Amino acid sequence: MRSRFVVGKHLIGKLTRRISRPHTPLMKVRTREEALKDTPYLEVDDLAWLKSLRTWLSDEEWHSLMVLNPRRLYDW
């Protein structure tokens, strides 16, 4: 668990300026027919995910990810 925390913290530190949060489906190698079908998005408990993420970040990192990043991405 500790190594996942360290890796996650490192990635967040690198990506807080350019990360978005889509709920893309789990991908696998698909046949042509499968690839042409709509694939549903993952069902994610957003609140639980955000609460977990918040425990990993400093106040500055959280602000960068949740306030500054959307401003840059969406020109707010």
PDB file of N, CA and C in Angstrom:
ATOM      1  N   MET A   1       0.824  -1.186   0.000  1.00  0.00           N
ATOM      2  CA  MET A   1       0.000   0.000   0.000  1.00  0.00           C
ATOM      3  C   MET A   1       0.871   1.255   0.000  1.00  0.00           C
ATOM      4  N   ARG A   2       1.932   1.248   0.741  1.00  0.00           N
ATOM      5  CA  ARG A   2       2.823   2.410   0.833  1.00  0.00           C
ATOM      6  C   ARG A   2       3.412   2.754  -0.531  1.00  0.00           C
ATOM      7  N   SER A   3       3.807   1.749  -1.311  1.00  0.00           N
ATOM      8  CA  SER A   3       4.399   2.032  -2.619  1.00  0.00           C
ATOM      9  C   SER A   3       3.375   2.664  -3.560  1.00  0.00           C
ATOM     10  N   ARG A   4       2.104   2.246  -3.478  1.00  0.00           N
ATOM     11  CA  ARG A   4       1.062   2.870  -4.306  1.00  0.00           C
ATOM     12  C   ARG A   4       0.889   4.328  -3.920  1.00  0.00           C
ATOM     13  N   PHE A   5       0.977   4.607  -2.630  1.00  0.00           N
ATOM     14  CA  PHE A   5       0.862   5.979  -2.149  1.00  0.00           C
ATOM     15  C   PHE A   5       1.999   6.831  -2.709  1.00  0.00           C
ATOM     16  N   VAL A   6       3.216   6.321  -2.651  1.00  0.00           N
ATOM     17  CA  VAL A   6       4.381   7.065  -3.142  1.00  0.00           C
ATOM     18  C   VAL A   6       4.261   7.311  -4.640  1.00  0.00           C
ATOM     19  N   VAL A   7       3.894   6.296  -5.393  1.00  0.00           N
ATOM     20  CA  VAL A   7       3.722   6.446  -6.845  1.00  0.00           C
ATOM     21  C   VAL A   7       2.596   7.431  -7.143  1.00  0.00           C
ATOM     22  N   GLY A   8       1.472   7.283  -6.457  1.00  0.00           N
ATOM     23  CA  GLY A   8       0.348   8.187  -6.673  1.00  0.00           C
ATOM     24  C   GLY A   8       0.718   9.617  -6.356  1.00  0.00           C
ATOM     25  N   LYS A   9       1.404   9.829  -5.260  1.00  0.00           N
ATOM     26  CA  LYS A   9       1.828  11.172  -4.859  1.00  0.00           C
ATOM     27  C   LYS A   9       2.767  11.769  -5.902  1.00  0.00           C
ATOM     28  N   HIS A  10       3.674  10.965  -6.427  1.00  0.00           N
ATOM     29  CA  HIS A  10       4.596  11.435  -7.458  1.00  0.00           C
ATOM     30  C   HIS A  10       3.830  11.836  -8.722  1.00  0.00           C
ATOM     31  N   LEU A  11       2.906  10.998  -9.157  1.00  0.00           N
ATOM     32  CA  LEU A  11       2.133  11.305 -10.357  1.00  0.00           C
ATOM     33  C   LEU A  11       1.284  12.552 -10.180  1.00  0.00           C
ATOM     34  N   ILE A  12       0.653  12.659  -9.046  1.00  0.00           N
ATOM     35  CA  ILE A  12      -0.181  13.835  -8.796  1.00  0.00           C
ATOM     36  C   ILE A  12       0.673  15.089  -8.798  1.00  0.00           C
ATOM     37  N   GLY A  13       1.839  15.013  -8.223  1.00  0.00           N
ATOM     38  CA  GLY A  13       2.744  16.160  -8.236  1.00  0.00           C
ATOM     39  C   GLY A  13       3.105  16.581  -9.644  1.00  0.00           C
ATOM     40  N   LYS A  14       3.242  15.636 -10.537  1.00  0.00           N
ATOM     41  CA  LYS A  14       3.597  15.932 -11.926  1.00  0.00           C
ATOM     42  C   LYS A  14       2.387  16.353 -12.748  1.00  0.00           C
ATOM     43  N   LEU A  15       1.208  15.855 -12.408  1.00  0.00           N
ATOM     44  CA  LEU A  15       0.044  16.041 -13.276  1.00  0.00           C
ATOM     45  C   LEU A  15      -0.961  17.083 -12.805  1.00  0.00           C
ATOM     46  N   THR A  16      -0.771  17.672 -11.633  1.00  0.00           N
ATOM     47  CA  THR A  16      -1.803  18.575 -11.132  1.00  0.00           C
ATOM     48  C   THR A  16      -2.058  19.754 -12.052  1.00  0.00           C
ATOM     49  N   ARG A  17      -1.152  20.036 -12.948  1.00  0.00           N
ATOM     50  CA  ARG A  17      -1.371  21.154 -13.862  1.00  0.00           C
ATOM     51  C   ARG A  17      -2.126  20.745 -15.124  1.00  0.00           C
ATOM     52  N   ARG A  18      -2.246  19.477 -15.408  1.00  0.00           N
ATOM     53  CA  ARG A  18      -2.861  19.062 -16.672  1.00  0.00           C
ATOM     54  C   ARG A  18      -3.721  17.820 -16.562  1.00  0.00           C
ATOM     55  N   ILE A  19      -4.329  17.591 -15.445  1.00  0.00           N
ATOM     56  CA  ILE A  19      -5.108  16.359 -15.287  1.00  0.00           C
ATOM     57  C   ILE A  19      -6.603  16.647 -15.408  1.00  0.00           C
ATOM     58  N   SER A  20      -7.283  15.781 -16.071  1.00  0.00           N
ATOM     59  CA  SER A  20      -8.742  15.827 -16.075  1.00  0.00           C
ATOM     60  C   SER A  20      -9.228  14.506 -15.483  1.00  0.00           C
ATOM     61  N   ARG A  21     -10.487  14.409 -15.211  1.00  0.00           N
ATOM     62  CA  ARG A  21     -10.978  13.245 -14.480  1.00  0.00           C
ATOM     63  C   ARG A  21     -12.115  12.529 -15.201  1.00  0.00           C
ATOM     64  N   PRO A  22     -11.861  12.016 -16.377  1.00  0.00           N
ATOM     65  CA  PRO A  22     -12.934  11.281 -17.053  1.00  0.00           C
ATOM     66  C   PRO A  22     -13.110   9.898 -16.427  1.00  0.00           C
ATOM     67  N   HIS A  23     -14.293   9.343 -16.573  1.00  0.00           N
ATOM     68  CA  HIS A  23     -14.549   7.987 -16.100  1.00  0.00           C
ATOM     69  C   HIS A  23     -14.566   7.066 -17.312  1.00  0.00           C
ATOM     70  N   THR A  24     -13.406   6.902 -17.885  1.00  0.00           N
ATOM     71  CA  THR A  24     -13.320   6.081 -19.080  1.00  0.00           C
ATOM     72  C   THR A  24     -13.441   4.604 -18.731  1.00  0.00           C
ATOM     73  N   PRO A  25     -13.922   3.819 -19.673  1.00  0.00           N
ATOM     74  CA  PRO A  25     -14.096   2.389 -19.397  1.00  0.00           C
ATOM     75  C   PRO A  25     -12.752   1.674 -19.320  1.00  0.00           C
ATOM     76  N   LEU A  26     -12.776   0.532 -18.652  1.00  0.00           N
ATOM     77  CA  LEU A  26     -11.590  -0.322 -18.664  1.00  0.00           C
ATOM     78  C   LEU A  26     -11.400  -0.830 -20.084  1.00  0.00           C
ATOM     79  N   MET A  27     -10.216  -0.713 -20.576  1.00  0.00           N
ATOM     80  CA  MET A  27      -9.989  -1.098 -21.968  1.00  0.00           C
ATOM     81  C   MET A  27      -9.295  -2.462 -22.034  1.00  0.00           C
ATOM     82  N   LYS A  28      -9.562  -3.147 -23.095  1.00  0.00           N
ATOM     83  CA  LYS A  28      -8.937  -4.434 -23.365  1.00  0.00           C
ATOM     84  C   LYS A  28      -8.793  -4.544 -24.871  1.00  0.00           C
ATOM     85  N   VAL A  29      -8.060  -5.522 -25.311  1.00  0.00           N
ATOM     86  CA  VAL A  29      -7.962  -5.767 -26.745  1.00  0.00           C
ATOM     87  C   VAL A  29      -9.325  -6.271 -27.203  1.00  0.00           C
ATOM     88  N   ARG A  30      -9.881  -5.592 -28.199  1.00  0.00           N
ATOM     89  CA  ARG A  30     -11.230  -5.931 -28.647  1.00  0.00           C
ATOM     90  C   ARG A  30     -11.226  -6.289 -30.126  1.00  0.00           C
ATOM     91  N   THR A  31     -12.221  -7.058 -30.496  1.00  0.00           N
ATOM     92  CA  THR A  31     -12.407  -7.354 -31.908  1.00  0.00           C
ATOM     93  C   THR A  31     -12.918  -6.089 -32.589  1.00  0.00           C
ATOM     94  N   ARG A  32     -12.909  -6.069 -33.895  1.00  0.00           N
ATOM     95  CA  ARG A  32     -13.406  -4.907 -34.638  1.00  0.00           C
ATOM     96  C   ARG A  32     -14.868  -4.634 -34.283  1.00  0.00           C
ATOM     97  N   GLU A  33     -15.656  -5.685 -34.193  1.00  0.00           N
ATOM     98  CA  GLU A  33     -17.072  -5.543 -33.871  1.00  0.00           C
ATOM     99  C   GLU A  33     -17.266  -4.960 -32.468  1.00  0.00           C
ATOM    100  N   GLU A  34     -16.474  -5.442 -31.518  1.00  0.00           N
ATOM    101  CA  GLU A  34     -16.565  -4.916 -30.157  1.00  0.00           C
ATOM    102  C   GLU A  34     -16.151  -3.437 -30.116  1.00  0.00           C
ATOM    103  N   ALA A  35     -15.125  -3.103 -30.873  1.00  0.00           N
ATOM    104  CA  ALA A  35     -14.620  -1.732 -30.878  1.00  0.00           C
ATOM    105  C   ALA A  35     -15.632  -0.748 -31.453  1.00  0.00           C
ATOM    106  N   LEU A  36     -16.507  -1.205 -32.308  1.00  0.00           N
ATOM    107  CA  LEU A  36     -17.497  -0.326 -32.921  1.00  0.00           C
ATOM    108  C   LEU A  36     -18.731  -0.117 -32.043  1.00  0.00           C
ATOM    109  N   LYS A  37     -18.862  -0.909 -31.001  1.00  0.00           N
ATOM    110  CA  LYS A  37     -19.999  -0.765 -30.085  1.00  0.00           C
ATOM    111  C   LYS A  37     -19.692   0.293 -29.030  1.00  0.00           C
ATOM    112  N   ASP A  38     -20.749   0.984 -28.574  1.00  0.00           N
ATOM    113  CA  ASP A  38     -20.580   1.931 -27.470  1.00  0.00           C
ATOM    114  C   ASP A  38     -20.127   1.177 -26.233  1.00  0.00           C
ATOM    115  N   THR A  39     -19.199   1.767 -25.520  1.00  0.00           N
ATOM    116  CA  THR A  39     -18.706   1.191 -24.277  1.00  0.00           C
ATOM    117  C   THR A  39     -19.123   2.094 -23.137  1.00  0.00           C
ATOM    118  N   PRO A  40     -19.838   1.566 -22.161  1.00  0.00           N
ATOM    119  CA  PRO A  40     -20.299   2.427 -21.061  1.00  0.00           C
ATOM    120  C   PRO A  40     -19.134   2.919 -20.200  1.00  0.00           C
ATOM    121  N   TYR A  41     -19.316   4.086 -19.634  1.00  0.00           N
ATOM    122  CA  TYR A  41     -18.322   4.614 -18.708  1.00  0.00           C
ATOM    123  C   TYR A  41     -18.349   3.808 -17.424  1.00  0.00           C
ATOM    124  N   LEU A  42     -17.252   3.862 -16.693  1.00  0.00           N
ATOM    125  CA  LEU A  42     -17.192   3.202 -15.395  1.00  0.00           C
ATOM    126  C   LEU A  42     -18.107   3.918 -14.415  1.00  0.00           C
ATOM    127  N   GLU A  43     -18.706   3.158 -13.552  1.00  0.00           N
ATOM    128  CA  GLU A  43     -19.470   3.755 -12.469  1.00  0.00           C
ATOM    129  C   GLU A  43     -18.500   3.964 -11.310  1.00  0.00           C
ATOM    130  N   VAL A  44     -18.329   5.212 -10.922  1.00  0.00           N
ATOM    131  CA  VAL A  44     -17.355   5.564  -9.895  1.00  0.00           C
ATOM    132  C   VAL A  44     -18.061   6.315  -8.779  1.00  0.00           C
ATOM    133  N   ASP A  45     -17.749   5.963  -7.555  1.00  0.00           N
ATOM    134  CA  ASP A  45     -18.249   6.707  -6.408  1.00  0.00           C
ATOM    135  C   ASP A  45     -17.350   7.937  -6.275  1.00  0.00           C
ATOM    136  N   ASP A  46     -17.748   9.028  -6.917  1.00  0.00           N
ATOM    137  CA  ASP A  46     -16.917  10.227  -6.979  1.00  0.00           C
ATOM    138  C   ASP A  46     -16.572  10.775  -5.599  1.00  0.00           C
ATOM    139  N   LEU A  47     -17.547  10.800  -4.710  1.00  0.00           N
ATOM    140  CA  LEU A  47     -17.293  11.352  -3.383  1.00  0.00           C
ATOM    141  C   LEU A  47     -16.241  10.537  -2.636  1.00  0.00           C
ATOM    142  N   ALA A  48     -16.361   9.235  -2.680  1.00  0.00           N
ATOM    143  CA  ALA A  48     -15.380   8.377  -2.006  1.00  0.00           C
ATOM    144  C   ALA A  48     -13.997   8.541  -2.639  1.00  0.00           C
ATOM    145  N   TRP A  49     -13.963   8.633  -3.958  1.00  0.00           N
ATOM    146  CA  TRP A  49     -12.686   8.804  -4.663  1.00  0.00           C
ATOM    147  C   TRP A  49     -12.038  10.134  -4.277  1.00  0.00           C
ATOM    148  N   LEU A  50     -12.836  11.209  -4.254  1.00  0.00           N
ATOM    149  CA  LEU A  50     -12.293  12.525  -3.895  1.00  0.00           C
ATOM    150  C   LEU A  50     -11.819  12.564  -2.448  1.00  0.00           C
ATOM    151  N   LYS A  51     -12.575  11.936  -1.546  1.00  0.00           N
ATOM    152  CA  LYS A  51     -12.154  11.895  -0.148  1.00  0.00           C
ATOM    153  C   LYS A  51     -10.827  11.146  -0.008  1.00  0.00           C
ATOM    154  N   SER A  52     -10.684  10.055  -0.727  1.00  0.00           N
ATOM    155  CA  SER A  52      -9.438   9.297  -0.694  1.00  0.00           C
ATOM    156  C   SER A  52      -8.287  10.117  -1.269  1.00  0.00           C
ATOM    157  N   LEU A  53      -8.531  10.741  -2.406  1.00  0.00           N
ATOM    158  CA  LEU A  53      -7.506  11.562  -3.046  1.00  0.00           C
ATOM    159  C   LEU A  53      -7.079  12.697  -2.131  1.00  0.00           C
ATOM    160  N   ARG A  54      -8.027  13.303  -1.448  1.00  0.00           N
ATOM    161  CA  ARG A  54      -7.723  14.446  -0.578  1.00  0.00           C
ATOM    162  C   ARG A  54      -6.727  14.075   0.504  1.00  0.00           C
ATOM    163  N   THR A  55      -6.767  12.845   0.972  1.00  0.00           N
ATOM    164  CA  THR A  55      -5.838  12.420   2.030  1.00  0.00           C
ATOM    165  C   THR A  55      -4.407  12.306   1.516  1.00  0.00           C
ATOM    166  N   TRP A  56      -4.230  12.218   0.228  1.00  0.00           N
ATOM    167  CA  TRP A  56      -2.901  12.088  -0.374  1.00  0.00           C
ATOM    168  C   TRP A  56      -2.223  13.429  -0.604  1.00  0.00           C
ATOM    169  N   LEU A  57      -2.988  14.505  -0.639  1.00  0.00           N
ATOM    170  CA  LEU A  57      -2.472  15.783  -1.114  1.00  0.00           C
ATOM    171  C   LEU A  57      -2.325  16.822  -0.021  1.00  0.00           C
ATOM    172  N   SER A  58      -1.340  17.672  -0.206  1.00  0.00           N
ATOM    173  CA  SER A  58      -1.217  18.845   0.670  1.00  0.00           C
ATOM    174  C   SER A  58      -2.305  19.844   0.266  1.00  0.00           C
ATOM    175  N   ASP A  59      -2.495  20.861   1.088  1.00  0.00           N
ATOM    176  CA  ASP A  59      -3.475  21.897   0.744  1.00  0.00           C
ATOM    177  C   ASP A  59      -3.123  22.562  -0.586  1.00  0.00           C
ATOM    178  N   GLU A  60      -1.844  22.806  -0.796  1.00  0.00           N
ATOM    179  CA  GLU A  60      -1.392  23.440  -2.046  1.00  0.00           C
ATOM    180  C   GLU A  60      -1.660  22.545  -3.260  1.00  0.00           C
ATOM    181  N   GLU A  61      -1.370  21.259  -3.134  1.00  0.00           N
ATOM    182  CA  GLU A  61      -1.631  20.329  -4.241  1.00  0.00           C
ATOM    183  C   GLU A  61      -3.127  20.223  -4.531  1.00  0.00           C
ATOM    184  N   TRP A  62      -3.930  20.149  -3.475  1.00  0.00           N
ATOM    185  CA  TRP A  62      -5.383  20.072  -3.643  1.00  0.00           C
ATOM    186  C   TRP A  62      -5.911  21.310  -4.371  1.00  0.00           C
ATOM    187  N   HIS A  63      -5.453  22.472  -3.944  1.00  0.00           N
ATOM    188  CA  HIS A  63      -5.874  23.728  -4.573  1.00  0.00           C
ATOM    189  C   HIS A  63      -5.463  23.751  -6.048  1.00  0.00           C
ATOM    190  N   SER A  64      -4.263  23.312  -6.324  1.00  0.00           N
ATOM    191  CA  SER A  64      -3.787  23.273  -7.711  1.00  0.00           C
ATOM    192  C   SER A  64      -4.649  22.345  -8.562  1.00  0.00           C
ATOM    193  N   LEU A  65      -4.940  21.166  -8.023  1.00  0.00           N
ATOM    194  CA  LEU A  65      -5.710  20.173  -8.767  1.00  0.00           C
ATOM    195  C   LEU A  65      -7.167  20.568  -8.936  1.00  0.00           C
ATOM    196  N   MET A  66      -7.786  21.075  -7.877  1.00  0.00           N
ATOM    197  CA  MET A  66      -9.230  21.295  -7.894  1.00  0.00           C
ATOM    198  C   MET A  66      -9.655  22.720  -8.255  1.00  0.00           C
ATOM    199  N   VAL A  67      -8.728  23.685  -8.200  1.00  0.00           N
ATOM    200  CA  VAL A  67      -9.074  25.075  -8.507  1.00  0.00           C
ATOM    201  C   VAL A  67      -8.279  25.590  -9.699  1.00  0.00           C
ATOM    202  N   LEU A  68      -6.957  25.547  -9.593  1.00  0.00           N
ATOM    203  CA  LEU A  68      -6.135  26.124 -10.662  1.00  0.00           C
ATOM    204  C   LEU A  68      -6.184  25.313 -11.951  1.00  0.00           C
ATOM    205  N   ASN A  69      -6.160  23.998 -11.819  1.00  0.00           N
ATOM    206  CA  ASN A  69      -6.210  23.136 -13.004  1.00  0.00           C
ATOM    207  C   ASN A  69      -7.482  23.359 -13.830  1.00  0.00           C
ATOM    208  N   PRO A  70      -8.687  23.352 -13.229  1.00  0.00           N
ATOM    209  CA  PRO A  70      -9.889  23.617 -14.029  1.00  0.00           C
ATOM    210  C   PRO A  70      -9.862  25.019 -14.666  1.00  0.00           C
ATOM    211  N   ARG A  71      -9.304  25.996 -13.953  1.00  0.00           N
ATOM    212  CA  ARG A  71      -9.200  27.330 -14.561  1.00  0.00           C
ATOM    213  C   ARG A  71      -8.390  27.291 -15.849  1.00  0.00           C
ATOM    214  N   ARG A  72      -7.262  26.584 -15.808  1.00  0.00           N
ATOM    215  CA  ARG A  72      -6.419  26.487 -17.013  1.00  0.00           C
ATOM    216  C   ARG A  72      -7.086  25.657 -18.103  1.00  0.00           C
ATOM    217  N   LEU A  73      -7.671  24.529 -17.715  1.00  0.00           N
ATOM    218  CA  LEU A  73      -8.266  23.649 -18.708  1.00  0.00           C
ATOM    219  C   LEU A  73      -9.497  24.262 -19.386  1.00  0.00           C
ATOM    220  N   TYR A  74     -10.312  24.951 -18.602  1.00  0.00           N
ATOM    221  CA  TYR A  74     -11.598  25.423 -19.117  1.00  0.00           C
ATOM    222  C   TYR A  74     -11.674  26.944 -19.209  1.00  0.00           C
ATOM    223  N   ASP A  75     -10.538  27.600 -19.026  1.00  0.00           N
ATOM    224  CA  ASP A  75     -10.448  29.053 -19.163  1.00  0.00           C
ATOM    225  C   ASP A  75     -11.456  29.770 -18.271  1.00  0.00           C
ATOM    226  N   TRP A  76     -11.546  29.373 -17.011  1.00  0.00           N
ATOM    227  CA  TRP A  76     -12.479  29.984 -16.063  1.00  0.00           C
ATOM    228  C   TRP A  76     -11.845  31.170 -15.400  1.00  0.00           C
TER     229      TRP A  76
END
